[in-house]
Structures are given as C-alpha cells and as structure tokens.
PDB file of N, CA and C in Angstrom:
ATOM      1  N   MET A   1      26.135  -9.189  18.439  1.00  0.00           N
ATOM      2  CA  MET A   1      25.627 -10.512  18.909  1.00  0.00           C
ATOM      3  C   MET A   1      24.573 -11.020  17.927  1.00  0.00           C
ATOM      4  N   ALA A   2      24.915 -12.018  17.194  1.00  0.00           N
ATOM      5  CA  ALA A   2      23.964 -12.569  16.208  1.00  0.00           C
ATOM      6  C   ALA A   2      22.736 -13.130  16.919  1.00  0.00           C
ATOM      7  N   MET A   3      22.938 -13.601  18.138  1.00  0.00           N
ATOM      8  CA  MET A   3      21.787 -14.205  18.871  1.00  0.00           C
ATOM      9  C   MET A   3      20.691 -13.158  19.070  1.00  0.00           C
ATOM     10  N   VAL A   4      21.092 -11.987  19.490  1.00  0.00           N
ATOM     11  CA  VAL A   4      20.096 -10.915  19.723  1.00  0.00           C
ATOM     12  C   VAL A   4      19.381 -10.600  18.420  1.00  0.00           C
ATOM     13  N   ARG A   5      20.128 -10.574  17.325  1.00  0.00           N
ATOM     14  CA  ARG A   5      19.521 -10.250  16.016  1.00  0.00           C
ATOM     15  C   ARG A   5      18.515 -11.339  15.659  1.00  0.00           C
ATOM     16  N   ALA A   6      18.883 -12.573  15.857  1.00  0.00           N
ATOM     17  CA  ALA A   6      17.973 -13.690  15.521  1.00  0.00           C
ATOM     18  C   ALA A   6      16.719 -13.587  16.388  1.00  0.00           C
ATOM     19  N   LEU A   7      16.905 -13.247  17.642  1.00  0.00           N
ATOM     20  CA  LEU A   7      15.738 -13.133  18.543  1.00  0.00           C
ATOM     21  C   LEU A   7      14.830 -12.005  18.058  1.00  0.00           C
ATOM     22  N   ASN A   8      15.428 -10.912  17.652  1.00  0.00           N
ATOM     23  CA  ASN A   8      14.624  -9.783  17.170  1.00  0.00           C
ATOM     24  C   ASN A   8      13.828 -10.216  15.944  1.00  0.00           C
ATOM     25  N   ARG A   9      14.446 -11.002  15.079  1.00  0.00           N
ATOM     26  CA  ARG A   9      13.760 -11.449  13.851  1.00  0.00           C
ATOM     27  C   ARG A   9      12.590 -12.352  14.251  1.00  0.00           C
ATOM     28  N   MET A  10      12.818 -13.226  15.181  1.00  0.00           N
ATOM     29  CA  MET A  10      11.739 -14.138  15.622  1.00  0.00           C
ATOM     30  C   MET A  10      10.610 -13.317  16.239  1.00  0.00           C
ATOM     31  N   THR A  11      10.979 -12.311  16.986  1.00  0.00           N
ATOM     32  CA  THR A  11       9.953 -11.468  17.621  1.00  0.00           C
ATOM     33  C   THR A  11       9.099 -10.811  16.541  1.00  0.00           C
ATOM     34  N   LYS A  12       9.748 -10.357  15.480  1.00  0.00           N
ATOM     35  CA  LYS A  12       8.997  -9.694  14.393  1.00  0.00           C
ATOM     36  C   LYS A  12       8.028 -10.695  13.778  1.00  0.00           C
ATOM     37  N   ALA A  13       8.440 -11.964  13.718  1.00  0.00           N
ATOM     38  CA  ALA A  13       7.580 -13.000  13.125  1.00  0.00           C
ATOM     39  C   ALA A  13       6.375 -13.238  14.032  1.00  0.00           C
ATOM     40  N   GLY A  14       6.510 -12.856  15.302  1.00  0.00           N
ATOM     41  CA  GLY A  14       5.371 -13.039  16.221  1.00  0.00           C
ATOM     42  C   GLY A  14       5.731 -14.018  17.318  1.00  0.00           C
ATOM     43  N   MET A  15       6.894 -13.791  17.951  1.00  0.00           N
ATOM     44  CA  MET A  15       7.306 -14.712  19.033  1.00  0.00           C
ATOM     45  C   MET A  15       7.756 -13.899  20.241  1.00  0.00           C
ATOM     46  N   PRO A  16       6.834 -13.370  21.007  1.00  0.00           N
ATOM     47  CA  PRO A  16       7.180 -12.575  22.193  1.00  0.00           C
ATOM     48  C   PRO A  16       7.988 -13.380  23.202  1.00  0.00           C
ATOM     49  N   GLU A  17       7.891 -14.692  23.117  1.00  0.00           N
ATOM     50  CA  GLU A  17       8.648 -15.535  24.072  1.00  0.00           C
ATOM     51  C   GLU A  17      10.151 -15.323  23.865  1.00  0.00           C
ATOM     52  N   SER A  18      10.552 -15.060  22.638  1.00  0.00           N
ATOM     53  CA  SER A  18      11.981 -14.846  22.360  1.00  0.00           C
ATOM     54  C   SER A  18      12.472 -13.632  23.146  1.00  0.00           C
ATOM     55  N   VAL A  19      11.642 -12.619  23.220  1.00  0.00           N
ATOM     56  CA  VAL A  19      12.065 -11.406  23.950  1.00  0.00           C
ATOM     57  C   VAL A  19      12.246 -11.739  25.424  1.00  0.00           C
ATOM     58  N   ARG A  20      11.373 -12.569  25.949  1.00  0.00           N
ATOM     59  CA  ARG A  20      11.484 -12.929  27.374  1.00  0.00           C
ATOM     60  C   ARG A  20      12.783 -13.710  27.603  1.00  0.00           C
ATOM     61  N   ILE A  21      13.167 -14.535  26.670  1.00  0.00           N
ATOM     62  CA  ILE A  21      14.396 -15.332  26.827  1.00  0.00           C
ATOM     63  C   ILE A  21      15.604 -14.391  26.794  1.00  0.00           C
ATOM     64  N   ALA A  22      15.516 -13.378  25.945  1.00  0.00           N
ATOM     65  CA  ALA A  22      16.662 -12.451  25.816  1.00  0.00           C
ATOM     66  C   ALA A  22      16.970 -11.859  27.182  1.00  0.00           C
TER      67      ALA A  22
END
C-alpha cells in the first residue's frame, strides 16, 4: 500500500496526525 508508505514518510518528517489518519 503506497498510502501507508507515504504516511510513514510524513510521520518521519514530523506529522503525527498522519498516523492518526492511518
């Protein structure tokens, strides 16, 4: 799932909100 990968990348950048959306 590319979406999960993109979310993980955003999280690494400093976006905990992405993890909540996942």
